[in-house]
PDB file of all heavy atoms in Angstrom:
ATOM      1  N   LEU A   1       0.281  -8.153 -10.264  1.00  0.00           N
ATOM      2  CA  LEU A   1      -0.749  -8.361 -11.288  1.00  0.00           C
ATOM      3  C   LEU A   1      -0.303  -9.422 -12.294  1.00  0.00           C
ATOM      4  O   LEU A   1      -1.078 -10.316 -12.667  1.00  0.00           O
ATOM      5  CB  LEU A   1      -1.005  -7.033 -12.004  1.00  0.00           C
ATOM      6  CG  LEU A   1      -2.370  -6.826 -12.657  1.00  0.00           C
ATOM      7  CD1 LEU A   1      -3.477  -6.813 -11.607  1.00  0.00           C
ATOM      8  CD2 LEU A   1      -2.379  -5.513 -13.427  1.00  0.00           C
ATOM      9  N   SER A   2       0.959  -9.346 -12.711  1.00  0.00           N
ATOM     10  CA  SER A   2       1.497 -10.299 -13.668  1.00  0.00           C
ATOM     11  C   SER A   2       1.482 -11.721 -13.116  1.00  0.00           C
ATOM     12  O   SER A   2       1.140 -12.682 -13.823  1.00  0.00           O
ATOM     13  CB  SER A   2       2.928  -9.903 -14.051  1.00  0.00           C
ATOM     14  OG  SER A   2       3.501 -10.830 -14.932  1.00  0.00           O
ATOM     15  N   GLU A   3       1.842 -11.859 -11.849  1.00  0.00           N
ATOM     16  CA  GLU A   3       1.854 -13.183 -11.223  1.00  0.00           C
ATOM     17  C   GLU A   3       0.443 -13.748 -11.128  1.00  0.00           C
ATOM     18  O   GLU A   3       0.220 -14.946 -11.373  1.00  0.00           O
ATOM     19  CB  GLU A   3       2.475 -13.086  -9.827  1.00  0.00           C
ATOM     20  CG  GLU A   3       2.705 -14.422  -9.144  1.00  0.00           C
ATOM     21  CD  GLU A   3       3.600 -15.364  -9.937  1.00  0.00           C
ATOM     22  OE1 GLU A   3       4.543 -14.876 -10.612  1.00  0.00           O
ATOM     23  OE2 GLU A   3       3.364 -16.594  -9.917  1.00  0.00           O
ATOM     24  N   LYS A   4      -0.519 -12.897 -10.802  1.00  0.00           N
ATOM     25  CA  LYS A   4      -1.917 -13.329 -10.741  1.00  0.00           C
ATOM     26  C   LYS A   4      -2.406 -13.785 -12.119  1.00  0.00           C
ATOM     27  O   LYS A   4      -3.156 -14.761 -12.245  1.00  0.00           O
ATOM     28  CB  LYS A   4      -2.792 -12.185 -10.228  1.00  0.00           C
ATOM     29  CG  LYS A   4      -2.571 -11.803  -8.777  1.00  0.00           C
ATOM     30  CD  LYS A   4      -3.241 -12.771  -7.832  1.00  0.00           C
ATOM     31  CE  LYS A   4      -3.175 -12.273  -6.402  1.00  0.00           C
ATOM     32  NZ  LYS A   4      -3.811 -13.232  -5.450  1.00  0.00           N
ATOM     33  N   GLU A   5      -1.989 -13.062 -13.147  1.00  0.00           N
ATOM     34  CA  GLU A   5      -2.385 -13.423 -14.504  1.00  0.00           C
ATOM     35  C   GLU A   5      -1.838 -14.797 -14.875  1.00  0.00           C
ATOM     36  O   GLU A   5      -2.530 -15.618 -15.485  1.00  0.00           O
ATOM     37  CB  GLU A   5      -1.887 -12.374 -15.496  1.00  0.00           C
ATOM     38  CG  GLU A   5      -2.636 -11.052 -15.412  1.00  0.00           C
ATOM     39  CD  GLU A   5      -2.104 -10.023 -16.395  1.00  0.00           C
ATOM     40  OE1 GLU A   5      -1.169 -10.351 -17.164  1.00  0.00           O
ATOM     41  OE2 GLU A   5      -2.623  -8.893 -16.404  1.00  0.00           O
ATOM     42  N   LYS A   6      -0.582 -15.048 -14.519  1.00  0.00           N
ATOM     43  CA  LYS A   6       0.037 -16.339 -14.814  1.00  0.00           C
ATOM     44  C   LYS A   6      -0.696 -17.476 -14.112  1.00  0.00           C
ATOM     45  O   LYS A   6      -0.760 -18.599 -14.616  1.00  0.00           O
ATOM     46  CB  LYS A   6       1.499 -16.328 -14.386  1.00  0.00           C
ATOM     47  CG  LYS A   6       2.387 -15.439 -15.247  1.00  0.00           C
ATOM     48  CD  LYS A   6       3.804 -15.376 -14.695  1.00  0.00           C
ATOM     49  CE  LYS A   6       4.674 -14.419 -15.501  1.00  0.00           C
ATOM     50  NZ  LYS A   6       6.043 -14.294 -14.918  1.00  0.00           N
ATOM     51  N   GLN A   7      -1.260 -17.178 -12.942  1.00  0.00           N
ATOM     52  CA  GLN A   7      -1.992 -18.179 -12.180  1.00  0.00           C
ATOM     53  C   GLN A   7      -3.427 -18.358 -12.692  1.00  0.00           C
ATOM     54  O   GLN A   7      -4.153 -19.229 -12.230  1.00  0.00           O
ATOM     55  CB  GLN A   7      -2.032 -17.775 -10.703  1.00  0.00           C
ATOM     56  CG  GLN A   7      -0.668 -17.760 -10.026  1.00  0.00           C
ATOM     57  CD  GLN A   7      -0.708 -17.119  -8.647  1.00  0.00           C
ATOM     58  OE1 GLN A   7      -1.766 -16.729  -8.151  1.00  0.00           O
ATOM     59  NE2 GLN A   7       0.453 -17.020  -8.016  1.00  0.00           N
ATOM     60  N   GLY A   8      -3.825 -17.473 -13.630  1.00  0.00           N
ATOM     61  CA  GLY A   8      -5.177 -17.538 -14.160  1.00  0.00           C
ATOM     62  C   GLY A   8      -6.223 -17.006 -13.206  1.00  0.00           C
ATOM     63  O   GLY A   8      -7.404 -17.382 -13.277  1.00  0.00           O
ATOM     64  N   PHE A   9      -5.821 -16.141 -12.301  1.00  0.00           N
ATOM     65  CA  PHE A   9      -6.735 -15.576 -11.303  1.00  0.00           C
ATOM     66  C   PHE A   9      -7.875 -14.869 -12.027  1.00  0.00           C
ATOM     67  O   PHE A   9      -7.660 -14.019 -12.885  1.00  0.00           O
ATOM     68  CB  PHE A   9      -5.967 -14.582 -10.430  1.00  0.00           C
ATOM     69  CG  PHE A   9      -6.709 -14.141  -9.206  1.00  0.00           C
ATOM     70  CD1 PHE A   9      -6.974 -15.025  -8.179  1.00  0.00           C
ATOM     71  CD2 PHE A   9      -7.129 -12.829  -9.080  1.00  0.00           C
ATOM     72  CE1 PHE A   9      -7.657 -14.611  -7.032  1.00  0.00           C
ATOM     73  CE2 PHE A   9      -7.809 -12.404  -7.949  1.00  0.00           C
ATOM     74  CZ  PHE A   9      -8.077 -13.295  -6.922  1.00  0.00           C
ATOM     75  N   ASP A  10      -9.134 -15.211 -11.682  1.00  0.00           N
ATOM     76  CA  ASP A  10     -10.261 -14.752 -12.487  1.00  0.00           C
ATOM     77  C   ASP A  10     -11.199 -13.780 -11.778  1.00  0.00           C
ATOM     78  O   ASP A  10     -12.333 -13.564 -12.226  1.00  0.00           O
ATOM     79  CB  ASP A  10     -11.063 -15.945 -13.005  1.00  0.00           C
ATOM     80  CG  ASP A  10     -11.637 -16.791 -11.864  1.00  0.00           C
ATOM     81  OD1 ASP A  10     -11.388 -16.464 -10.696  1.00  0.00           O
ATOM     82  OD2 ASP A  10     -12.336 -17.774 -12.170  1.00  0.00           O
ATOM     83  N   SER A  11     -10.770 -13.149 -10.692  1.00  0.00           N
ATOM     84  CA  SER A  11     -11.612 -12.163 -10.027  1.00  0.00           C
ATOM     85  C   SER A  11     -11.302 -10.780 -10.591  1.00  0.00           C
ATOM     86  O   SER A  11     -10.322 -10.140 -10.204  1.00  0.00           O
ATOM     87  CB  SER A  11     -11.373 -12.173  -8.507  1.00  0.00           C
ATOM     88  OG  SER A  11     -12.089 -11.112  -7.891  1.00  0.00           O
ATOM     89  N   ALA A  12     -12.126 -10.318 -11.519  1.00  0.00           N
ATOM     90  CA  ALA A  12     -11.891  -9.029 -12.162  1.00  0.00           C
ATOM     91  C   ALA A  12     -11.874  -7.859 -11.170  1.00  0.00           C
ATOM     92  O   ALA A  12     -11.002  -6.992 -11.267  1.00  0.00           O
ATOM     93  CB  ALA A  12     -12.944  -8.784 -13.246  1.00  0.00           C
ATOM     94  N   PRO A  13     -12.793  -7.815 -10.185  1.00  0.00           N
ATOM     95  CA  PRO A  13     -12.747  -6.711  -9.223  1.00  0.00           C
ATOM     96  C   PRO A  13     -11.441  -6.656  -8.439  1.00  0.00           C
ATOM     97  O   PRO A  13     -10.895  -5.572  -8.202  1.00  0.00           O
ATOM     98  CB  PRO A  13     -13.935  -6.987  -8.295  1.00  0.00           C
ATOM     99  CG  PRO A  13     -14.879  -7.779  -9.126  1.00  0.00           C
ATOM    100  CD  PRO A  13     -13.999  -8.643  -9.976  1.00  0.00           C
ATOM    101  N   GLU A  14     -10.925  -7.824  -8.040  1.00  0.00           N
ATOM    102  CA  GLU A  14      -9.667  -7.844  -7.276  1.00  0.00           C
ATOM    103  C   GLU A  14      -8.476  -7.475  -8.146  1.00  0.00           C
ATOM    104  O   GLU A  14      -7.557  -6.774  -7.703  1.00  0.00           O
ATOM    105  CB  GLU A  14      -9.472  -9.219  -6.638  1.00  0.00           C
ATOM    106  CG  GLU A  14     -10.440  -9.503  -5.493  1.00  0.00           C
ATOM    107  CD  GLU A  14     -10.090 -10.785  -4.751  1.00  0.00           C
ATOM    108  OE1 GLU A  14      -8.898 -10.980  -4.437  1.00  0.00           O
ATOM    109  OE2 GLU A  14     -11.007 -11.593  -4.523  1.00  0.00           O
ATOM    110  N   MET A  15      -8.473  -7.913  -9.384  1.00  0.00           N
ATOM    111  CA  MET A  15      -7.398  -7.543 -10.305  1.00  0.00           C
ATOM    112  C   MET A  15      -7.419  -6.036 -10.560  1.00  0.00           C
ATOM    113  O   MET A  15      -6.373  -5.384 -10.641  1.00  0.00           O
ATOM    114  CB  MET A  15      -7.541  -8.307 -11.621  1.00  0.00           C
ATOM    115  CG  MET A  15      -7.321  -9.805 -11.493  1.00  0.00           C
ATOM    116  SD  MET A  15      -5.596 -10.236 -11.087  1.00  0.00           S
ATOM    117  CE  MET A  15      -4.840 -10.147 -12.710  1.00  0.00           C
ATOM    118  N   ALA A  16      -8.607  -5.487 -10.685  1.00  0.00           N
ATOM    119  CA  ALA A  16      -8.743  -4.043 -10.898  1.00  0.00           C
ATOM    120  C   ALA A  16      -8.241  -3.260  -9.687  1.00  0.00           C
ATOM    121  O   ALA A  16      -7.612  -2.202  -9.836  1.00  0.00           O
ATOM    122  CB  ALA A  16     -10.203  -3.696 -11.192  1.00  0.00           C
ATOM    123  N   LEU A  17      -8.505  -3.784  -8.494  1.00  0.00           N
ATOM    124  CA  LEU A  17      -8.008  -3.139  -7.274  1.00  0.00           C
ATOM    125  C   LEU A  17      -6.481  -3.113  -7.246  1.00  0.00           C
ATOM    126  O   LEU A  17      -5.873  -2.113  -6.858  1.00  0.00           O
ATOM    127  CB  LEU A  17      -8.535  -3.880  -6.042  1.00  0.00           C
ATOM    128  CG  LEU A  17      -9.957  -3.549  -5.587  1.00  0.00           C
ATOM    129  CD1 LEU A  17     -10.408  -4.533  -4.503  1.00  0.00           C
ATOM    130  CD2 LEU A  17     -10.041  -2.114  -5.055  1.00  0.00           C
ATOM    131  N   ILE A  18      -5.870  -4.221  -7.653  1.00  0.00           N
ATOM    132  CA  ILE A  18      -4.404  -4.296  -7.678  1.00  0.00           C
ATOM    133  C   ILE A  18      -3.841  -3.260  -8.648  1.00  0.00           C
ATOM    134  O   ILE A  18      -2.883  -2.556  -8.341  1.00  0.00           O
ATOM    135  CB  ILE A  18      -3.936  -5.718  -8.056  1.00  0.00           C
ATOM    136  CG1 ILE A  18      -4.338  -6.719  -6.979  1.00  0.00           C
ATOM    137  CG2 ILE A  18      -2.416  -5.743  -8.249  1.00  0.00           C
ATOM    138  CD1 ILE A  18      -4.150  -8.175  -7.392  1.00  0.00           C
ATOM    139  N   PHE A  19      -4.452  -3.178  -9.833  1.00  0.00           N
ATOM    140  CA  PHE A  19      -3.970  -2.195 -10.803  1.00  0.00           C
ATOM    141  C   PHE A  19      -4.162  -0.773 -10.278  1.00  0.00           C
ATOM    142  O   PHE A  19      -3.273   0.077 -10.413  1.00  0.00           O
ATOM    143  CB  PHE A  19      -4.695  -2.350 -12.140  1.00  0.00           C
ATOM    144  CG  PHE A  19      -4.213  -1.359 -13.174  1.00  0.00           C
ATOM    145  CD1 PHE A  19      -3.007  -1.542 -13.828  1.00  0.00           C
ATOM    146  CD2 PHE A  19      -4.959  -0.226 -13.467  1.00  0.00           C
ATOM    147  CE1 PHE A  19      -2.544  -0.624 -14.753  1.00  0.00           C
ATOM    148  CE2 PHE A  19      -4.507   0.698 -14.394  1.00  0.00           C
ATOM    149  CZ  PHE A  19      -3.299   0.504 -15.039  1.00  0.00           C
ATOM    150  N   GLY A  20      -5.316  -0.509  -9.684  1.00  0.00           N
ATOM    151  CA  GLY A  20      -5.565   0.818  -9.120  1.00  0.00           C
ATOM    152  C   GLY A  20      -4.545   1.189  -8.064  1.00  0.00           C
ATOM    153  O   GLY A  20      -4.030   2.315  -8.041  1.00  0.00           O
ATOM    154  N   ASP A  21      -4.225   0.236  -7.207  1.00  0.00           N
ATOM    155  CA  ASP A  21      -3.223   0.490  -6.166  1.00  0.00           C
ATOM    156  C   ASP A  21      -1.844   0.745  -6.761  1.00  0.00           C
ATOM    157  O   ASP A  21      -1.036   1.489  -6.197  1.00  0.00           O
ATOM    158  CB  ASP A  21      -3.145  -0.703  -5.198  1.00  0.00           C
ATOM    159  CG  ASP A  21      -4.257  -0.685  -4.157  1.00  0.00           C
ATOM    160  OD1 ASP A  21      -4.874   0.384  -3.966  1.00  0.00           O
ATOM    161  OD2 ASP A  21      -4.519  -1.732  -3.545  1.00  0.00           O
ATOM    162  N   SER A  22      -1.568   0.145  -7.909  1.00  0.00           N
ATOM    163  CA  SER A  22      -0.240   0.307  -8.513  1.00  0.00           C
ATOM    164  C   SER A  22      -0.022   1.708  -9.073  1.00  0.00           C
ATOM    165  O   SER A  22       1.113   2.180  -9.133  1.00  0.00           O
ATOM    166  CB  SER A  22      -0.028  -0.741  -9.614  1.00  0.00           C
ATOM    167  OG  SER A  22      -0.760  -0.420 -10.776  1.00  0.00           O
ATOM    168  N   ILE A  23      -1.100   2.402  -9.479  1.00  0.00           N
ATOM    169  CA  ILE A  23      -0.923   3.730 -10.076  1.00  0.00           C
ATOM    170  C   ILE A  23      -1.326   4.884  -9.150  1.00  0.00           C
ATOM    171  O   ILE A  23      -1.147   6.044  -9.503  1.00  0.00           O
ATOM    172  CB  ILE A  23      -1.701   3.861 -11.404  1.00  0.00           C
ATOM    173  CG1 ILE A  23      -3.217   3.896 -11.165  1.00  0.00           C
ATOM    174  CG2 ILE A  23      -1.313   2.769 -12.384  1.00  0.00           C
ATOM    175  CD1 ILE A  23      -3.997   4.350 -12.389  1.00  0.00           C
ATOM    176  N   LYS A  24      -1.826   4.587  -7.962  1.00  0.00           N
ATOM    177  CA  LYS A  24      -2.355   5.650  -7.105  1.00  0.00           C
ATOM    178  C   LYS A  24      -1.317   6.694  -6.725  1.00  0.00           C
ATOM    179  O   LYS A  24      -1.635   7.892  -6.602  1.00  0.00           O
ATOM    180  CB  LYS A  24      -2.986   5.052  -5.850  1.00  0.00           C
ATOM    181  CG  LYS A  24      -2.000   4.362  -4.906  1.00  0.00           C
ATOM    182  CD  LYS A  24      -2.713   3.751  -3.708  1.00  0.00           C
ATOM    183  CE  LYS A  24      -1.729   3.055  -2.771  1.00  0.00           C
ATOM    184  NZ  LYS A  24      -2.427   2.401  -1.638  1.00  0.00           N
ATOM    185  N   GLU A  25      -0.060   6.288  -6.534  1.00  0.00           N
ATOM    186  CA  GLU A  25       0.971   7.242  -6.123  1.00  0.00           C
ATOM    187  C   GLU A  25       1.297   8.243  -7.225  1.00  0.00           C
ATOM    188  O   GLU A  25       1.763   9.355  -6.945  1.00  0.00           O
ATOM    189  CB  GLU A  25       2.243   6.509  -5.691  1.00  0.00           C
ATOM    190  CG  GLU A  25       2.102   5.663  -4.436  1.00  0.00           C
ATOM    191  CD  GLU A  25       1.749   6.466  -3.194  1.00  0.00           C
ATOM    192  OE1 GLU A  25       2.060   7.681  -3.153  1.00  0.00           O
ATOM    193  OE2 GLU A  25       1.153   5.887  -2.264  1.00  0.00           O
ATOM    194  N   ILE A  26       1.049   7.879  -8.465  1.00  0.00           N
ATOM    195  CA  ILE A  26       1.281   8.796  -9.584  1.00  0.00           C
ATOM    196  C   ILE A  26       0.397  10.033  -9.454  1.00  0.00           C
ATOM    197  O   ILE A  26       0.783  11.133  -9.851  1.00  0.00           O
ATOM    198  CB  ILE A  26       1.037   8.060 -10.916  1.00  0.00           C
ATOM    199  CG1 ILE A  26       2.183   7.076 -11.176  1.00  0.00           C
ATOM    200  CG2 ILE A  26       0.871   9.032 -12.081  1.00  0.00           C
ATOM    201  CD1 ILE A  26       1.963   6.164 -12.362  1.00  0.00           C
ATOM    202  N   PHE A  27      -0.777   9.865  -8.869  1.00  0.00           N
ATOM    203  CA  PHE A  27      -1.712  10.978  -8.726  1.00  0.00           C
ATOM    204  C   PHE A  27      -1.378  11.867  -7.531  1.00  0.00           C
ATOM    205  O   PHE A  27      -1.985  12.930  -7.372  1.00  0.00           O
ATOM    206  CB  PHE A  27      -3.139  10.444  -8.590  1.00  0.00           C
ATOM    207  CG  PHE A  27      -3.762  10.074  -9.902  1.00  0.00           C
ATOM    208  CD1 PHE A  27      -3.343   8.952 -10.605  1.00  0.00           C
ATOM    209  CD2 PHE A  27      -4.761  10.853 -10.463  1.00  0.00           C
ATOM    210  CE1 PHE A  27      -3.895   8.612 -11.831  1.00  0.00           C
ATOM    211  CE2 PHE A  27      -5.331  10.527 -11.685  1.00  0.00           C
ATOM    212  CZ  PHE A  27      -4.889   9.399 -12.367  1.00  0.00           C
ATOM    213  N   ALA A  28      -0.442  11.456  -6.697  1.00  0.00           N
ATOM    214  CA  ALA A  28      -0.079  12.226  -5.503  1.00  0.00           C
ATOM    215  C   ALA A  28       1.391  12.635  -5.581  1.00  0.00           C
ATOM    216  O   ALA A  28       2.256  11.962  -5.015  1.00  0.00           O
ATOM    217  CB  ALA A  28      -0.333  11.395  -4.248  1.00  0.00           C
ATOM    218  N   PRO A  29       1.697  13.725  -6.276  1.00  0.00           N
ATOM    219  CA  PRO A  29       3.103  14.121  -6.445  1.00  0.00           C
ATOM    220  C   PRO A  29       3.780  14.538  -5.152  1.00  0.00           C
ATOM    221  O   PRO A  29       4.995  14.408  -5.015  1.00  0.00           O
ATOM    222  CB  PRO A  29       3.019  15.296  -7.426  1.00  0.00           C
ATOM    223  CG  PRO A  29       1.638  15.838  -7.244  1.00  0.00           C
ATOM    224  CD  PRO A  29       0.783  14.649  -6.960  1.00  0.00           C
ATOM    225  N   ASN A  30       2.987  15.033  -4.212  1.00  0.00           N
ATOM    226  CA  ASN A  30       3.525  15.491  -2.929  1.00  0.00           C
ATOM    227  C   ASN A  30       3.084  14.516  -1.844  1.00  0.00           C
ATOM    228  O   ASN A  30       1.918  14.488  -1.456  1.00  0.00           O
ATOM    229  CB  ASN A  30       3.030  16.905  -2.626  1.00  0.00           C
ATOM    230  CG  ASN A  30       3.326  17.858  -3.774  1.00  0.00           C
ATOM    231  OD1 ASN A  30       4.450  17.962  -4.241  1.00  0.00           O
ATOM    232  ND2 ASN A  30       2.297  18.561  -4.259  1.00  0.00           N
ATOM    233  N   GLU A  31       4.009  13.723  -1.359  1.00  0.00           N
ATOM    234  CA  GLU A  31       3.701  12.527  -0.575  1.00  0.00           C
ATOM    235  C   GLU A  31       2.784  12.750   0.613  1.00  0.00           C
ATOM    236  O   GLU A  31       1.838  11.997   0.827  1.00  0.00           O
ATOM    237  CB  GLU A  31       5.006  11.875  -0.101  1.00  0.00           C
ATOM    238  CG  GLU A  31       4.784  10.587   0.677  1.00  0.00           C
ATOM    239  CD  GLU A  31       6.080   9.876   1.003  1.00  0.00           C
ATOM    240  OE1 GLU A  31       7.158  10.445   0.724  1.00  0.00           O
ATOM    241  OE2 GLU A  31       6.020   8.755   1.524  1.00  0.00           O
ATOM    242  N   ALA A  32       3.043  13.762   1.401  1.00  0.00           N
ATOM    243  CA  ALA A  32       2.339  13.873   2.681  1.00  0.00           C
ATOM    244  C   ALA A  32       1.501  15.139   2.803  1.00  0.00           C
ATOM    245  O   ALA A  32       1.176  15.550   3.902  1.00  0.00           O
ATOM    246  CB  ALA A  32       3.344  13.818   3.828  1.00  0.00           C
ATOM    247  N   ASP A  33       1.138  15.765   1.702  1.00  0.00           N
ATOM    248  CA  ASP A  33       0.379  17.008   1.834  1.00  0.00           C
ATOM    249  C   ASP A  33      -1.103  16.714   2.085  1.00  0.00           C
ATOM    250  O   ASP A  33      -1.556  15.573   2.049  1.00  0.00           O
ATOM    251  CB  ASP A  33       0.612  17.932   0.633  1.00  0.00           C
ATOM    252  CG  ASP A  33      -0.242  17.567  -0.568  1.00  0.00           C
ATOM    253  OD1 ASP A  33      -0.827  16.477  -0.587  1.00  0.00           O
ATOM    254  OD2 ASP A  33      -0.314  18.387  -1.503  1.00  0.00           O
TER     255      ASP A  33
END
C-alpha cells in the first residue's frame, strides 16, 4: 500500500482491496478452522 501511495496510484477500489487483504488474517485467529 505504501509503495502504491508513493507512486500516486489513484484507484481507490484497488487500494481498499489491498488494505482489506492486509488485515483479513486478524479476523481469523484459528488458521484452518
